[in-house]
Amino acid sequence: MASRKEKHNLWEQRLQEWQQSAMSAMKWCQEQNISYATFCYWKSKLQTPVQEGVIFEELKEPSSTAIELRWGEARLYLSEDFDIATLEKCLIVLRRVQC
């Protein structure tokens, strides 16, 4: 059985081959006899930045902001009555950002 590092290297190579092929991912997977779901898993896994951890910090100044979220250089301030739908949209965008 291949080690994690070997699988990682294999999928990096496969993703490079796919990008150079100029084919759609689904077509390339069919030609390579590779599961499209597995391809999508590895593409997502290898393109997701490593998260360094979440930092919680007490705000020293009095503020109407109830929560501050940080993702790299991005900061998101949430008031006590924030809209959950808007927060969900912001988090989706922040996940796509590669720091």
PDB file of N, CA and C in Angstrom:
ATOM      1  N   MET A   1       0.843  -1.187   0.000  1.00  0.00           N
ATOM      2  CA  MET A   1       0.000   0.000   0.000  1.00  0.00           C
ATOM      3  C   MET A   1       0.885   1.246   0.000  1.00  0.00           C
ATOM      4  N   ALA A   2       0.486   2.238  -0.782  1.00  0.00           N
ATOM      5  CA  ALA A   2       1.273   3.458  -0.923  1.00  0.00           C
ATOM      6  C   ALA A   2       1.176   4.314   0.340  1.00  0.00           C
ATOM      7  N   SER A   3       2.282   4.957   0.670  1.00  0.00           N
ATOM      8  CA  SER A   3       2.295   5.854   1.826  1.00  0.00           C
ATOM      9  C   SER A   3       1.549   7.140   1.482  1.00  0.00           C
ATOM     10  N   ARG A   4       1.257   7.932   2.502  1.00  0.00           N
ATOM     11  CA  ARG A   4       0.584   9.212   2.282  1.00  0.00           C
ATOM     12  C   ARG A   4       1.379  10.099   1.331  1.00  0.00           C
ATOM     13  N   LYS A   5       2.680  10.145   1.557  1.00  0.00           N
ATOM     14  CA  LYS A   5       3.544  10.982   0.726  1.00  0.00           C
ATOM     15  C   LYS A   5       3.508  10.509  -0.728  1.00  0.00           C
ATOM     16  N   GLU A   6       3.517   9.191  -0.933  1.00  0.00           N
ATOM     17  CA  GLU A   6       3.465   8.648  -2.293  1.00  0.00           C
ATOM     18  C   GLU A   6       2.139   8.996  -2.971  1.00  0.00           C
ATOM     19  N   LYS A   7       1.035   8.881  -2.225  1.00  0.00           N
ATOM     20  CA  LYS A   7      -0.277   9.236  -2.780  1.00  0.00           C
ATOM     21  C   LYS A   7      -0.328  10.720  -3.119  1.00  0.00           C
ATOM     22  N   HIS A   8       0.189  11.524  -2.216  1.00  0.00           N
ATOM     23  CA  HIS A   8       0.223  12.969  -2.432  1.00  0.00           C
ATOM     24  C   HIS A   8       0.988  13.284  -3.719  1.00  0.00           C
ATOM     25  N   ASN A   9       2.170  12.699  -3.866  1.00  0.00           N
ATOM     26  CA  ASN A   9       2.994  12.932  -5.053  1.00  0.00           C
ATOM     27  C   ASN A   9       2.305  12.430  -6.314  1.00  0.00           C
ATOM     28  N   LEU A  10       1.683  11.247  -6.233  1.00  0.00           N
ATOM     29  CA  LEU A  10       0.973  10.676  -7.372  1.00  0.00           C
ATOM     30  C   LEU A  10      -0.134  11.614  -7.841  1.00  0.00           C
ATOM     31  N   TRP A  11      -0.914  12.139  -6.880  1.00  0.00           N
ATOM     32  CA  TRP A  11      -2.031  13.000  -7.262  1.00  0.00           C
ATOM     33  C   TRP A  11      -1.562  14.374  -7.719  1.00  0.00           C
ATOM     34  N   GLU A  12      -0.468  14.861  -7.214  1.00  0.00           N
ATOM     35  CA  GLU A  12       0.087  16.110  -7.748  1.00  0.00           C
ATOM     36  C   GLU A  12       0.457  15.916  -9.210  1.00  0.00           C
ATOM     37  N   GLN A  13       1.074  14.781  -9.496  1.00  0.00           N
ATOM     38  CA  GLN A  13       1.473  14.470 -10.868  1.00  0.00           C
ATOM     39  C   GLN A  13       0.238  14.321 -11.760  1.00  0.00           C
ATOM     40  N   ARG A  14      -0.777  13.607 -11.278  1.00  0.00           N
ATOM     41  CA  ARG A  14      -1.997  13.416 -12.066  1.00  0.00           C
ATOM     42  C   ARG A  14      -2.686  14.749 -12.356  1.00  0.00           C
ATOM     43  N   LEU A  15      -2.747  15.630 -11.360  1.00  0.00           N
ATOM     44  CA  LEU A  15      -3.383  16.925 -11.575  1.00  0.00           C
ATOM     45  C   LEU A  15      -2.610  17.765 -12.599  1.00  0.00           C
ATOM     46  N   GLN A  16      -1.297  17.673 -12.592  1.00  0.00           N
ATOM     47  CA  GLN A  16      -0.491  18.375 -13.586  1.00  0.00           C
ATOM     48  C   GLN A  16      -0.764  17.819 -14.981  1.00  0.00           C
ATOM     49  N   GLU A  17      -0.840  16.493 -15.074  1.00  0.00           N
ATOM     50  CA  GLU A  17      -1.125  15.862 -16.363  1.00  0.00           C
ATOM     51  C   GLU A  17      -2.497  16.286 -16.879  1.00  0.00           C
ATOM     52  N   TRP A  18      -3.480  16.332 -15.985  1.00  0.00           N
ATOM     53  CA  TRP A  18      -4.819  16.758 -16.389  1.00  0.00           C
ATOM     54  C   TRP A  18      -4.791  18.204 -16.889  1.00  0.00           C
ATOM     55  N   GLN A  19      -4.132  19.102 -16.148  1.00  0.00           N
ATOM     56  CA  GLN A  19      -4.081  20.506 -16.558  1.00  0.00           C
ATOM     57  C   GLN A  19      -3.411  20.673 -17.912  1.00  0.00           C
ATOM     58  N   GLN A  20      -2.390  19.875 -18.180  1.00  0.00           N
ATOM     59  CA  GLN A  20      -1.674  19.961 -19.453  1.00  0.00           C
ATOM     60  C   GLN A  20      -2.470  19.346 -20.599  1.00  0.00           C
ATOM     61  N   SER A  21      -3.450  18.512 -20.272  1.00  0.00           N
ATOM     62  CA  SER A  21      -4.216  17.820 -21.310  1.00  0.00           C
ATOM     63  C   SER A  21      -5.229  18.724 -22.005  1.00  0.00           C
ATOM     64  N   ALA A  22      -5.652  19.793 -21.359  1.00  0.00           N
ATOM     65  CA  ALA A  22      -6.681  20.699 -21.877  1.00  0.00           C
ATOM     66  C   ALA A  22      -8.042  20.015 -22.019  1.00  0.00           C
ATOM     67  N   MET A  23      -8.222  18.861 -21.373  1.00  0.00           N
ATOM     68  CA  MET A  23      -9.511  18.166 -21.367  1.00  0.00           C
ATOM     69  C   MET A  23     -10.297  18.571 -20.132  1.00  0.00           C
ATOM     70  N   SER A  24     -11.597  18.329 -20.187  1.00  0.00           N
ATOM     71  CA  SER A  24     -12.384  18.522 -18.976  1.00  0.00           C
ATOM     72  C   SER A  24     -11.936  17.461 -17.973  1.00  0.00           C
ATOM     73  N   ALA A  25     -12.155  17.738 -16.701  1.00  0.00           N
ATOM     74  CA  ALA A  25     -11.745  16.792 -15.667  1.00  0.00           C
ATOM     75  C   ALA A  25     -12.464  15.454 -15.833  1.00  0.00           C
ATOM     76  N   MET A  26     -13.753  15.507 -16.135  1.00  0.00           N
ATOM     77  CA  MET A  26     -14.526  14.282 -16.280  1.00  0.00           C
ATOM     78  C   MET A  26     -14.018  13.439 -17.452  1.00  0.00           C
ATOM     79  N   LYS A  27     -13.751  14.078 -18.577  1.00  0.00           N
ATOM     80  CA  LYS A  27     -13.243  13.367 -19.758  1.00  0.00           C
ATOM     81  C   LYS A  27     -11.870  12.769 -19.456  1.00  0.00           C
ATOM     82  N   TRP A  28     -10.997  13.530 -18.815  1.00  0.00           N
ATOM     83  CA  TRP A  28      -9.661  13.042 -18.494  1.00  0.00           C
ATOM     84  C   TRP A  28      -9.741  11.826 -17.569  1.00  0.00           C
ATOM     85  N   CYS A  29     -10.613  11.906 -16.570  1.00  0.00           N
ATOM     86  CA  CYS A  29     -10.784  10.787 -15.634  1.00  0.00           C
ATOM     87  C   CYS A  29     -11.270   9.539 -16.356  1.00  0.00           C
ATOM     88  N   GLN A  30     -12.203   9.713 -17.287  1.00  0.00           N
ATOM     89  CA  GLN A  30     -12.698   8.569 -18.052  1.00  0.00           C
ATOM     90  C   GLN A  30     -11.571   7.916 -18.841  1.00  0.00           C
ATOM     91  N   GLU A  31     -10.746   8.737 -19.491  1.00  0.00           N
ATOM     92  CA  GLU A  31      -9.638   8.211 -20.298  1.00  0.00           C
ATOM     93  C   GLU A  31      -8.561   7.544 -19.444  1.00  0.00           C
ATOM     94  N   GLN A  32      -8.409   8.026 -18.209  1.00  0.00           N
ATOM     95  CA  GLN A  32      -7.394   7.464 -17.309  1.00  0.00           C
ATOM     96  C   GLN A  32      -7.950   6.333 -16.438  1.00  0.00           C
ATOM     97  N   ASN A  33      -9.266   6.082 -16.572  1.00  0.00           N
ATOM     98  CA  ASN A  33      -9.940   5.072 -15.751  1.00  0.00           C
ATOM     99  C   ASN A  33      -9.790   5.389 -14.258  1.00  0.00           C
ATOM    100  N   ILE A  34     -10.041   6.661 -13.952  1.00  0.00           N
ATOM    101  CA  ILE A  34      -9.952   7.150 -12.581  1.00  0.00           C
ATOM    102  C   ILE A  34     -11.328   7.643 -12.164  1.00  0.00           C
ATOM    103  N   SER A  35     -11.724   7.348 -10.955  1.00  0.00           N
ATOM    104  CA  SER A  35     -13.003   7.812 -10.431  1.00  0.00           C
ATOM    105  C   SER A  35     -13.013   9.339 -10.389  1.00  0.00           C
ATOM    106  N   TYR A  36     -14.058   9.927 -10.950  1.00  0.00           N
ATOM    107  CA  TYR A  36     -14.182  11.382 -10.948  1.00  0.00           C
ATOM    108  C   TYR A  36     -14.307  11.923  -9.522  1.00  0.00           C
ATOM    109  N   ALA A  37     -15.012  11.190  -8.670  1.00  0.00           N
ATOM    110  CA  ALA A  37     -15.163  11.610  -7.268  1.00  0.00           C
ATOM    111  C   ALA A  37     -13.811  11.631  -6.564  1.00  0.00           C
ATOM    112  N   THR A  38     -12.988  10.628  -6.826  1.00  0.00           N
ATOM    113  CA  THR A  38     -11.650  10.578  -6.233  1.00  0.00           C
ATOM    114  C   THR A  38     -10.797  11.728  -6.756  1.00  0.00           C
ATOM    115  N   PHE A  39     -10.910  11.988  -8.048  1.00  0.00           N
ATOM    116  CA  PHE A  39     -10.195  13.112  -8.648  1.00  0.00           C
ATOM    117  C   PHE A  39     -10.574  14.420  -7.951  1.00  0.00           C
ATOM    118  N   CYS A  40     -11.893  14.637  -7.784  1.00  0.00           N
ATOM    119  CA  CYS A  40     -12.370  15.870  -7.144  1.00  0.00           C
ATOM    120  C   CYS A  40     -11.876  15.976  -5.704  1.00  0.00           C
ATOM    121  N   TYR A  41     -11.861  14.843  -4.999  1.00  0.00           N
ATOM    122  CA  TYR A  41     -11.365  14.830  -3.626  1.00  0.00           C
ATOM    123  C   TYR A  41      -9.913  15.311  -3.585  1.00  0.00           C
ATOM    124  N   TRP A  42      -9.061  14.732  -4.424  1.00  0.00           N
ATOM    125  CA  TRP A  42      -7.642  15.084  -4.404  1.00  0.00           C
ATOM    126  C   TRP A  42      -7.401  16.496  -4.918  1.00  0.00           C
ATOM    127  N   LYS A  43      -8.171  16.913  -5.898  1.00  0.00           N
ATOM    128  CA  LYS A  43      -8.022  18.283  -6.411  1.00  0.00           C
ATOM    129  C   LYS A  43      -8.327  19.273  -5.290  1.00  0.00           C
ATOM    130  N   SER A  44      -9.396  19.014  -4.565  1.00  0.00           N
ATOM    131  CA  SER A  44      -9.764  19.886  -3.448  1.00  0.00           C
ATOM    132  C   SER A  44      -8.720  19.824  -2.336  1.00  0.00           C
ATOM    133  N   LYS A  45      -8.280  18.616  -2.022  1.00  0.00           N
ATOM    134  CA  LYS A  45      -7.314  18.423  -0.937  1.00  0.00           C
ATOM    135  C   LYS A  45      -5.991  19.139  -1.231  1.00  0.00           C
ATOM    136  N   LEU A  46      -5.535  19.056  -2.456  1.00  0.00           N
ATOM    137  CA  LEU A  46      -4.240  19.646  -2.797  1.00  0.00           C
ATOM    138  C   LEU A  46      -4.321  21.145  -3.055  1.00  0.00           C
ATOM    139  N   GLN A  47      -5.508  21.671  -3.305  1.00  0.00           N
ATOM    140  CA  GLN A  47      -5.640  23.103  -3.545  1.00  0.00           C
ATOM    141  C   GLN A  47      -6.047  23.869  -2.299  1.00  0.00           C
ATOM    142  N   THR A  48      -6.396  23.178  -1.228  1.00  0.00           N
ATOM    143  CA  THR A  48      -6.805  23.830   0.012  1.00  0.00           C
ATOM    144  C   THR A  48      -5.561  24.199   0.816  1.00  0.00           C
ATOM    145  N   PRO A  49      -5.408  25.474   1.176  1.00  0.00           N
ATOM    146  CA  PRO A  49      -4.233  25.857   1.955  1.00  0.00           C
ATOM    147  C   PRO A  49      -4.261  25.218   3.343  1.00  0.00           C
ATOM    148  N   VAL A  50      -3.098  24.950   3.861  1.00  0.00           N
ATOM    149  CA  VAL A  50      -3.000  24.394   5.206  1.00  0.00           C
ATOM    150  C   VAL A  50      -3.402  25.457   6.202  1.00  0.00           C
ATOM    151  N   GLN A  51      -4.322  25.106   7.057  1.00  0.00           N
ATOM    152  CA  GLN A  51      -4.810  26.073   8.040  1.00  0.00           C
ATOM    153  C   GLN A  51      -3.858  26.065   9.224  1.00  0.00           C
ATOM    154  N   GLU A  52      -3.383  27.231   9.589  1.00  0.00           N
ATOM    155  CA  GLU A  52      -2.415  27.341  10.670  1.00  0.00           C
ATOM    156  C   GLU A  52      -3.061  27.365  12.038  1.00  0.00           C
ATOM    157  N   GLY A  53      -4.352  27.413  12.097  1.00  0.00           N
ATOM    158  CA  GLY A  53      -5.036  27.434  13.380  1.00  0.00           C
ATOM    159  C   GLY A  53      -5.871  28.681  13.537  1.00  0.00           C
ATOM    160  N   VAL A  54      -6.825  28.587  14.356  1.00  0.00           N
ATOM    161  CA  VAL A  54      -7.720  29.699  14.624  1.00  0.00           C
ATOM    162  C   VAL A  54      -7.213  30.422  15.858  1.00  0.00           C
ATOM    163  N   ILE A  55      -7.192  31.731  15.795  1.00  0.00           N
ATOM    164  CA  ILE A  55      -6.715  32.524  16.921  1.00  0.00           C
ATOM    165  C   ILE A  55      -7.895  33.295  17.506  1.00  0.00           C
ATOM    166  N   PHE A  56      -8.116  33.113  18.780  1.00  0.00           N
ATOM    167  CA  PHE A  56      -9.122  33.887  19.482  1.00  0.00           C
ATOM    168  C   PHE A  56      -8.378  34.889  20.343  1.00  0.00           C
ATOM    169  N   GLU A  57      -8.807  36.128  20.261  1.00  0.00           N
ATOM    170  CA  GLU A  57      -8.117  37.178  20.982  1.00  0.00           C
ATOM    171  C   GLU A  57      -9.153  38.095  21.620  1.00  0.00           C
ATOM    172  N   GLU A  58      -8.956  38.403  22.860  1.00  0.00           N
ATOM    173  CA  GLU A  58      -9.872  39.306  23.548  1.00  0.00           C
ATOM    174  C   GLU A  58      -9.651  40.719  23.032  1.00  0.00           C
ATOM    175  N   LEU A  59     -10.742  41.383  22.688  1.00  0.00           N
ATOM    176  CA  LEU A  59     -10.635  42.766  22.229  1.00  0.00           C
ATOM    177  C   LEU A  59     -10.451  43.671  23.435  1.00  0.00           C
ATOM    178  N   LYS A  60      -9.432  44.507  23.414  1.00  0.00           N
ATOM    179  CA  LYS A  60      -9.091  45.354  24.558  1.00  0.00           C
ATOM    180  C   LYS A  60      -9.979  46.597  24.651  1.00  0.00           C
ATOM    181  N   GLU A  61     -10.415  47.093  23.490  1.00  0.00           N
ATOM    182  CA  GLU A  61     -11.199  48.317  23.465  1.00  0.00           C
ATOM    183  C   GLU A  61     -12.686  47.992  23.548  1.00  0.00           C
ATOM    184  N   PRO A  62     -13.450  48.803  24.242  1.00  0.00           N
ATOM    185  CA  PRO A  62     -14.899  48.595  24.216  1.00  0.00           C
ATOM    186  C   PRO A  62     -15.404  48.782  22.794  1.00  0.00           C
ATOM    187  N   SER A  63     -16.266  47.900  22.354  1.00  0.00           N
ATOM    188  CA  SER A  63     -16.724  47.936  20.982  1.00  0.00           C
ATOM    189  C   SER A  63     -18.115  47.344  20.884  1.00  0.00           C
ATOM    190  N   SER A  64     -18.839  47.744  19.851  1.00  0.00           N
ATOM    191  CA  SER A  64     -20.138  47.137  19.612  1.00  0.00           C
ATOM    192  C   SER A  64     -19.985  45.815  18.871  1.00  0.00           C
ATOM    193  N   THR A  65     -18.759  45.487  18.451  1.00  0.00           N
ATOM    194  CA  THR A  65     -18.498  44.240  17.748  1.00  0.00           C
ATOM    195  C   THR A  65     -18.471  43.092  18.742  1.00  0.00           C
ATOM    196  N   ALA A  66     -19.279  42.091  18.488  1.00  0.00           N
ATOM    197  CA  ALA A  66     -19.343  40.946  19.379  1.00  0.00           C
ATOM    198  C   ALA A  66     -18.263  39.926  19.053  1.00  0.00           C
ATOM    199  N   ILE A  67     -17.949  39.766  17.756  1.00  0.00           N
ATOM    200  CA  ILE A  67     -16.996  38.734  17.327  1.00  0.00           C
ATOM    201  C   ILE A  67     -16.106  39.298  16.223  1.00  0.00           C
ATOM    202  N   GLU A  68     -14.838  38.909  16.257  1.00  0.00           N
ATOM    203  CA  GLU A  68     -13.913  39.231  15.174  1.00  0.00           C
ATOM    204  C   GLU A  68     -13.325  37.916  14.687  1.00  0.00           C
ATOM    205  N   LEU A  69     -13.467  37.627  13.384  1.00  0.00           N
ATOM    206  CA  LEU A  69     -12.876  36.432  12.782  1.00  0.00           C
ATOM    207  C   LEU A  69     -11.716  36.863  11.901  1.00  0.00           C
ATOM    208  N   ARG A  70     -10.611  36.105  11.953  1.00  0.00           N
ATOM    209  CA  ARG A  70      -9.444  36.421  11.117  1.00  0.00           C
ATOM    210  C   ARG A  70      -9.088  35.212  10.280  1.00  0.00           C
ATOM    211  N   TRP A  71      -8.761  35.473   9.012  1.00  0.00           N
ATOM    212  CA  TRP A  71      -8.292  34.430   8.101  1.00  0.00           C
ATOM    213  C   TRP A  71      -7.150  35.054   7.328  1.00  0.00           C
ATOM    214  N   GLY A  72      -5.919  34.752   7.732  1.00  0.00           N
ATOM    215  CA  GLY A  72      -4.773  35.420   7.125  1.00  0.00           C
ATOM    216  C   GLY A  72      -4.848  36.904   7.414  1.00  0.00           C
ATOM    217  N   GLU A  73      -4.849  37.702   6.367  1.00  0.00           N
ATOM    218  CA  GLU A  73      -4.939  39.148   6.519  1.00  0.00           C
ATOM    219  C   GLU A  73      -6.390  39.639   6.571  1.00  0.00           C
ATOM    220  N   ALA A  74      -7.330  38.758   6.252  1.00  0.00           N
ATOM    221  CA  ALA A  74      -8.746  39.155   6.238  1.00  0.00           C
ATOM    222  C   ALA A  74      -9.310  39.171   7.654  1.00  0.00           C
ATOM    223  N   ARG A  75     -10.150  40.151   7.931  1.00  0.00           N
ATOM    224  CA  ARG A  75     -10.820  40.249   9.226  1.00  0.00           C
ATOM    225  C   ARG A  75     -12.299  40.456   8.983  1.00  0.00           C
ATOM    226  N   LEU A  76     -13.093  39.798   9.779  1.00  0.00           N
ATOM    227  CA  LEU A  76     -14.538  39.901   9.669  1.00  0.00           C
ATOM    228  C   LEU A  76     -15.083  40.248  11.042  1.00  0.00           C
ATOM    229  N   TYR A  77     -15.768  41.381  11.132  1.00  0.00           N
ATOM    230  CA  TYR A  77     -16.329  41.823  12.396  1.00  0.00           C
ATOM    231  C   TYR A  77     -17.833  41.552  12.393  1.00  0.00           C
ATOM    232  N   LEU A  78     -18.317  40.932  13.443  1.00  0.00           N
ATOM    233  CA  LEU A  78     -19.736  40.592  13.544  1.00  0.00           C
ATOM    234  C   LEU A  78     -20.349  41.291  14.751  1.00  0.00           C
ATOM    235  N   SER A  79     -21.433  41.996  14.516  1.00  0.00           N
ATOM    236  CA  SER A  79     -22.146  42.616  15.629  1.00  0.00           C
ATOM    237  C   SER A  79     -23.004  41.546  16.300  1.00  0.00           C
ATOM    238  N   GLU A  80     -23.570  41.880  17.426  1.00  0.00           N
ATOM    239  CA  GLU A  80     -24.369  40.907  18.171  1.00  0.00           C
ATOM    240  C   GLU A  80     -25.587  40.434  17.389  1.00  0.00           C
ATOM    241  N   ASP A  81     -26.080  41.254  16.491  1.00  0.00           N
ATOM    242  CA  ASP A  81     -27.276  40.880  15.734  1.00  0.00           C
ATOM    243  C   ASP A  81     -26.948  40.571  14.269  1.00  0.00           C
ATOM    244  N   PHE A  82     -25.774  39.932  14.014  1.00  0.00           N
ATOM    245  CA  PHE A  82     -25.353  39.647  12.649  1.00  0.00           C
ATOM    246  C   PHE A  82     -26.325  38.685  11.960  1.00  0.00           C
ATOM    247  N   ASP A  83     -26.309  38.759  10.615  1.00  0.00           N
ATOM    248  CA  ASP A  83     -27.162  37.909   9.784  1.00  0.00           C
ATOM    249  C   ASP A  83     -26.405  36.613   9.448  1.00  0.00           C
ATOM    250  N   ILE A  84     -26.962  35.477   9.834  1.00  0.00           N
ATOM    251  CA  ILE A  84     -26.285  34.189   9.644  1.00  0.00           C
ATOM    252  C   ILE A  84     -26.059  33.895   8.161  1.00  0.00           C
ATOM    253  N   ALA A  85     -27.009  34.217   7.304  1.00  0.00           N
ATOM    254  CA  ALA A  85     -26.861  33.950   5.876  1.00  0.00           C
ATOM    255  C   ALA A  85     -25.668  34.715   5.300  1.00  0.00           C
ATOM    256  N   THR A  86     -25.497  35.955   5.731  1.00  0.00           N
ATOM    257  CA  THR A  86     -24.359  36.750   5.268  1.00  0.00           C
ATOM    258  C   THR A  86     -23.047  36.164   5.780  1.00  0.00           C
ATOM    259  N   LEU A  87     -23.023  35.715   7.030  1.00  0.00           N
ATOM    260  CA  LEU A  87     -21.826  35.083   7.576  1.00  0.00           C
ATOM    261  C   LEU A  87     -21.467  33.834   6.774  1.00  0.00           C
ATOM    262  N   GLU A  88     -22.447  33.018   6.449  1.00  0.00           N
ATOM    263  CA  GLU A  88     -22.191  31.801   5.660  1.00  0.00           C
ATOM    264  C   GLU A  88     -21.570  32.150   4.313  1.00  0.00           C
ATOM    265  N   LYS A  89     -22.086  33.176   3.653  1.00  0.00           N
ATOM    266  CA  LYS A  89     -21.531  33.601   2.366  1.00  0.00           C
ATOM    267  C   LYS A  89     -20.089  34.079   2.529  1.00  0.00           C
ATOM    268  N   CYS A  90     -19.820  34.838   3.575  1.00  0.00           N
ATOM    269  CA  CYS A  90     -18.452  35.317   3.831  1.00  0.00           C
ATOM    270  C   CYS A  90     -17.497  34.151   4.068  1.00  0.00           C
ATOM    271  N   LEU A  91     -17.922  33.168   4.834  1.00  0.00           N
ATOM    272  CA  LEU A  91     -17.058  32.021   5.124  1.00  0.00           C
ATOM    273  C   LEU A  91     -16.775  31.212   3.868  1.00  0.00           C
ATOM    274  N   ILE A  92     -17.752  31.087   2.991  1.00  0.00           N
ATOM    275  CA  ILE A  92     -17.535  30.375   1.721  1.00  0.00           C
ATOM    276  C   ILE A  92     -16.458  31.093   0.912  1.00  0.00           C
ATOM    277  N   VAL A  93     -16.538  32.408   0.843  1.00  0.00           N
ATOM    278  CA  VAL A  93     -15.532  33.193   0.097  1.00  0.00           C
ATOM    279  C   VAL A  93     -14.169  33.053   0.747  1.00  0.00           C
ATOM    280  N   LEU A  94     -14.106  33.134   2.070  1.00  0.00           N
ATOM    281  CA  LEU A  94     -12.817  33.028   2.767  1.00  0.00           C
ATOM    282  C   LEU A  94     -12.179  31.660   2.569  1.00  0.00           C
ATOM    283  N   ARG A  95     -12.975  30.611   2.474  1.00  0.00           N
ATOM    284  CA  ARG A  95     -12.423  29.268   2.234  1.00  0.00           C
ATOM    285  C   ARG A  95     -11.765  29.179   0.876  1.00  0.00           C
ATOM    286  N   ARG A  96     -12.262  29.950  -0.084  1.00  0.00           N
ATOM    287  CA  ARG A  96     -11.715  29.911  -1.452  1.00  0.00           C
ATOM    288  C   ARG A  96     -10.419  30.694  -1.575  1.00  0.00           C
ATOM    289  N   VAL A  97     -10.202  31.620  -0.670  1.00  0.00           N
ATOM    290  CA  VAL A  97      -9.012  32.474  -0.720  1.00  0.00           C
ATOM    291  C   VAL A  97      -7.796  31.645  -0.330  1.00  0.00           C
ATOM    292  N   GLN A  98      -6.771  31.701  -1.141  1.00  0.00           N
ATOM    293  CA  GLN A  98      -5.537  31.003  -0.804  1.00  0.00           C
ATOM    294  C   GLN A  98      -4.537  32.008  -0.282  1.00  0.00           C
ATOM    295  N   CYS A  99      -4.236  31.885   0.990  1.00  0.00           N
ATOM    296  CA  CYS A  99      -3.343  32.844   1.639  1.00  0.00           C
ATOM    297  C   CYS A  99      -1.904  32.514   1.347  1.00  0.00           C
TER     298      CYS A  99
END
